[in-house]
N, C-alpha and C. Protein backbone atom coordinates (compact mmCIF):
# COMPACT_ATOMS: atom_id res chain seq x y z
N MET A 1 -20.77 14.97 3.43
CA MET A 1 -21.24 13.64 3.70
C MET A 1 -20.10 12.83 4.32
N ARG A 2 -20.37 12.16 5.40
CA ARG A 2 -19.37 11.36 6.10
C ARG A 2 -19.27 9.97 5.49
N GLN A 3 -18.08 9.43 5.57
CA GLN A 3 -17.83 8.10 5.05
C GLN A 3 -17.92 7.11 6.21
N SER A 4 -18.58 5.99 5.99
CA SER A 4 -18.70 4.98 7.04
C SER A 4 -17.34 4.33 7.30
N ARG A 5 -17.22 3.70 8.46
CA ARG A 5 -15.96 3.02 8.78
C ARG A 5 -15.68 1.89 7.80
N LEU A 6 -16.72 1.20 7.39
CA LEU A 6 -16.54 0.12 6.42
C LEU A 6 -16.01 0.66 5.10
N MET A 7 -16.55 1.78 4.66
CA MET A 7 -16.07 2.37 3.42
C MET A 7 -14.64 2.89 3.58
N SER A 8 -14.31 3.41 4.75
CA SER A 8 -12.93 3.84 5.00
C SER A 8 -11.98 2.66 4.95
N LEU A 9 -12.38 1.53 5.54
CA LEU A 9 -11.56 0.32 5.48
C LEU A 9 -11.41 -0.17 4.04
N THR A 10 -12.51 -0.13 3.30
CA THR A 10 -12.49 -0.56 1.90
C THR A 10 -11.58 0.33 1.08
N GLU A 11 -11.66 1.64 1.31
CA GLU A 11 -10.81 2.58 0.59
C GLU A 11 -9.34 2.35 0.93
N ALA A 12 -9.04 2.17 2.21
CA ALA A 12 -7.66 1.92 2.63
C ALA A 12 -7.13 0.64 2.01
N ALA A 13 -7.94 -0.42 2.00
CA ALA A 13 -7.52 -1.70 1.41
C ALA A 13 -7.29 -1.57 -0.10
N ALA A 14 -8.19 -0.88 -0.78
CA ALA A 14 -8.02 -0.68 -2.22
C ALA A 14 -6.77 0.13 -2.52
N ASN A 15 -6.52 1.14 -1.70
CA ASN A 15 -5.33 1.97 -1.86
C ASN A 15 -4.07 1.13 -1.70
N ILE A 16 -4.06 0.25 -0.72
CA ILE A 16 -2.89 -0.61 -0.48
C ILE A 16 -2.71 -1.59 -1.64
N MET A 17 -3.79 -2.18 -2.12
CA MET A 17 -3.68 -3.15 -3.22
C MET A 17 -3.15 -2.49 -4.49
N VAL A 18 -3.67 -1.31 -4.81
CA VAL A 18 -3.21 -0.60 -6.01
C VAL A 18 -1.75 -0.19 -5.83
N GLY A 19 -1.41 0.32 -4.65
CA GLY A 19 -0.03 0.72 -4.39
C GLY A 19 0.93 -0.45 -4.47
N TYR A 20 0.52 -1.60 -3.96
CA TYR A 20 1.35 -2.80 -4.01
C TYR A 20 1.56 -3.23 -5.46
N ALA A 21 0.49 -3.23 -6.24
CA ALA A 21 0.60 -3.62 -7.65
C ALA A 21 1.53 -2.67 -8.41
N VAL A 22 1.40 -1.38 -8.16
CA VAL A 22 2.27 -0.39 -8.81
C VAL A 22 3.72 -0.61 -8.39
N GLY A 23 3.92 -0.89 -7.11
CA GLY A 23 5.27 -1.15 -6.61
C GLY A 23 5.91 -2.37 -7.26
N ILE A 24 5.15 -3.43 -7.37
CA ILE A 24 5.66 -4.66 -8.00
C ILE A 24 5.98 -4.43 -9.47
N LEU A 25 5.09 -3.74 -10.16
CA LEU A 25 5.31 -3.44 -11.57
C LEU A 25 6.55 -2.55 -11.75
N THR A 26 6.67 -1.55 -10.90
CA THR A 26 7.84 -0.66 -10.97
C THR A 26 9.11 -1.44 -10.70
N GLN A 27 9.07 -2.32 -9.70
CA GLN A 27 10.25 -3.14 -9.38
C GLN A 27 10.61 -4.02 -10.58
N ALA A 28 9.62 -4.61 -11.21
CA ALA A 28 9.88 -5.50 -12.34
C ALA A 28 10.44 -4.74 -13.55
N LEU A 29 10.05 -3.49 -13.72
CA LEU A 29 10.49 -2.71 -14.87
C LEU A 29 11.78 -1.93 -14.61
N VAL A 30 11.92 -1.35 -13.44
CA VAL A 30 13.03 -0.44 -13.17
C VAL A 30 14.27 -1.17 -12.63
N PHE A 31 14.08 -2.14 -11.75
CA PHE A 31 15.24 -2.81 -11.14
C PHE A 31 16.18 -3.41 -12.19
N PRO A 32 15.67 -4.10 -13.23
CA PRO A 32 16.59 -4.63 -14.24
C PRO A 32 17.39 -3.53 -14.96
N ILE A 33 16.78 -2.39 -15.17
CA ILE A 33 17.47 -1.27 -15.82
C ILE A 33 18.63 -0.80 -14.95
N LEU A 34 18.42 -0.82 -13.64
CA LEU A 34 19.45 -0.38 -12.70
C LEU A 34 20.44 -1.49 -12.35
N GLY A 35 20.22 -2.67 -12.89
CA GLY A 35 21.12 -3.78 -12.62
C GLY A 35 20.89 -4.45 -11.28
N ILE A 36 19.72 -4.27 -10.70
CA ILE A 36 19.38 -4.86 -9.41
C ILE A 36 18.62 -6.15 -9.66
N GLU A 37 19.15 -7.23 -9.13
CA GLU A 37 18.47 -8.52 -9.27
C GLU A 37 17.83 -8.88 -7.94
N THR A 38 16.54 -9.07 -7.96
CA THR A 38 15.80 -9.44 -6.75
C THR A 38 14.54 -10.17 -7.16
N SER A 39 13.92 -10.82 -6.20
CA SER A 39 12.65 -11.48 -6.45
C SER A 39 11.71 -11.16 -5.30
N LEU A 40 10.43 -11.42 -5.51
CA LEU A 40 9.46 -11.20 -4.45
C LEU A 40 9.75 -12.07 -3.24
N ARG A 41 10.27 -13.24 -3.48
CA ARG A 41 10.59 -14.16 -2.40
C ARG A 41 11.69 -13.61 -1.50
N GLN A 42 12.62 -12.86 -2.09
CA GLN A 42 13.72 -12.29 -1.31
C GLN A 42 13.26 -11.16 -0.39
N ASN A 43 12.19 -10.49 -0.77
CA ASN A 43 11.72 -9.35 0.01
C ASN A 43 10.73 -9.85 1.06
N GLN A 44 11.22 -10.11 2.25
CA GLN A 44 10.38 -10.67 3.32
C GLN A 44 9.74 -9.59 4.19
N SER A 45 10.05 -8.32 3.96
CA SER A 45 9.52 -7.26 4.82
C SER A 45 8.20 -6.68 4.31
N TRP A 46 7.74 -7.10 3.15
CA TRP A 46 6.53 -6.50 2.58
C TRP A 46 5.29 -6.65 3.46
N PRO A 47 5.09 -7.75 4.20
CA PRO A 47 3.87 -7.81 5.03
C PRO A 47 3.85 -6.73 6.11
N ARG A 48 5.00 -6.45 6.69
CA ARG A 48 5.05 -5.41 7.73
C ARG A 48 4.77 -4.04 7.13
N PHE A 49 5.40 -3.73 6.00
CA PHE A 49 5.17 -2.44 5.37
C PHE A 49 3.72 -2.30 4.90
N THR A 50 3.14 -3.38 4.42
CA THR A 50 1.74 -3.35 4.00
C THR A 50 0.82 -3.08 5.18
N ALA A 51 1.08 -3.72 6.31
CA ALA A 51 0.27 -3.49 7.52
C ALA A 51 0.39 -2.06 8.01
N VAL A 52 1.60 -1.54 8.05
CA VAL A 52 1.80 -0.15 8.49
C VAL A 52 1.11 0.81 7.54
N SER A 53 1.20 0.55 6.25
CA SER A 53 0.56 1.42 5.27
C SER A 53 -0.96 1.38 5.40
N PHE A 54 -1.51 0.20 5.64
CA PHE A 54 -2.96 0.07 5.81
C PHE A 54 -3.44 0.84 7.03
N VAL A 55 -2.77 0.67 8.15
CA VAL A 55 -3.16 1.36 9.39
C VAL A 55 -3.05 2.86 9.22
N SER A 56 -1.95 3.32 8.64
CA SER A 56 -1.78 4.77 8.48
C SER A 56 -2.80 5.35 7.50
N SER A 57 -3.12 4.62 6.44
CA SER A 57 -4.11 5.08 5.49
C SER A 57 -5.49 5.19 6.13
N TYR A 58 -5.87 4.18 6.91
CA TYR A 58 -7.16 4.18 7.60
C TYR A 58 -7.22 5.30 8.65
N ALA A 59 -6.13 5.47 9.39
CA ALA A 59 -6.07 6.52 10.41
C ALA A 59 -6.16 7.91 9.78
N LEU A 60 -5.43 8.11 8.69
CA LEU A 60 -5.47 9.40 8.01
C LEU A 60 -6.87 9.70 7.49
N ARG A 61 -7.55 8.69 6.97
CA ARG A 61 -8.93 8.87 6.49
C ARG A 61 -9.82 9.30 7.65
N GLY A 62 -9.65 8.65 8.79
CA GLY A 62 -10.45 9.00 9.97
C GLY A 62 -10.19 10.42 10.46
N ILE A 63 -8.92 10.82 10.45
CA ILE A 63 -8.58 12.17 10.86
C ILE A 63 -9.20 13.19 9.91
N CYS A 64 -9.10 12.93 8.63
CA CYS A 64 -9.66 13.86 7.64
C CYS A 64 -11.18 13.94 7.73
N GLU A 65 -11.82 12.88 8.10
CA GLU A 65 -13.28 12.87 8.25
C GLU A 65 -13.74 13.78 9.39
N HIS A 66 -12.92 13.89 10.42
CA HIS A 66 -13.32 14.66 11.62
C HIS A 66 -12.90 16.11 11.55
N VAL A 67 -12.19 16.50 10.53
CA VAL A 67 -11.72 17.90 10.41
C VAL A 67 -12.74 18.69 9.64
């Protein structure tokens, strides 16, 4: 059964949101243990990485659908 483009977009978006939440939680828990002090405000590159991750996730889903 093929997945619609809308469902592929939804899956890619959900994947990014869950991955982002896991990343933030990991940063909050692990960075203090390692002695790294940072805040979300300091990390200004996250929108670019999120966009790249979304596009690659959607593209990979499309490639897998056609194989």
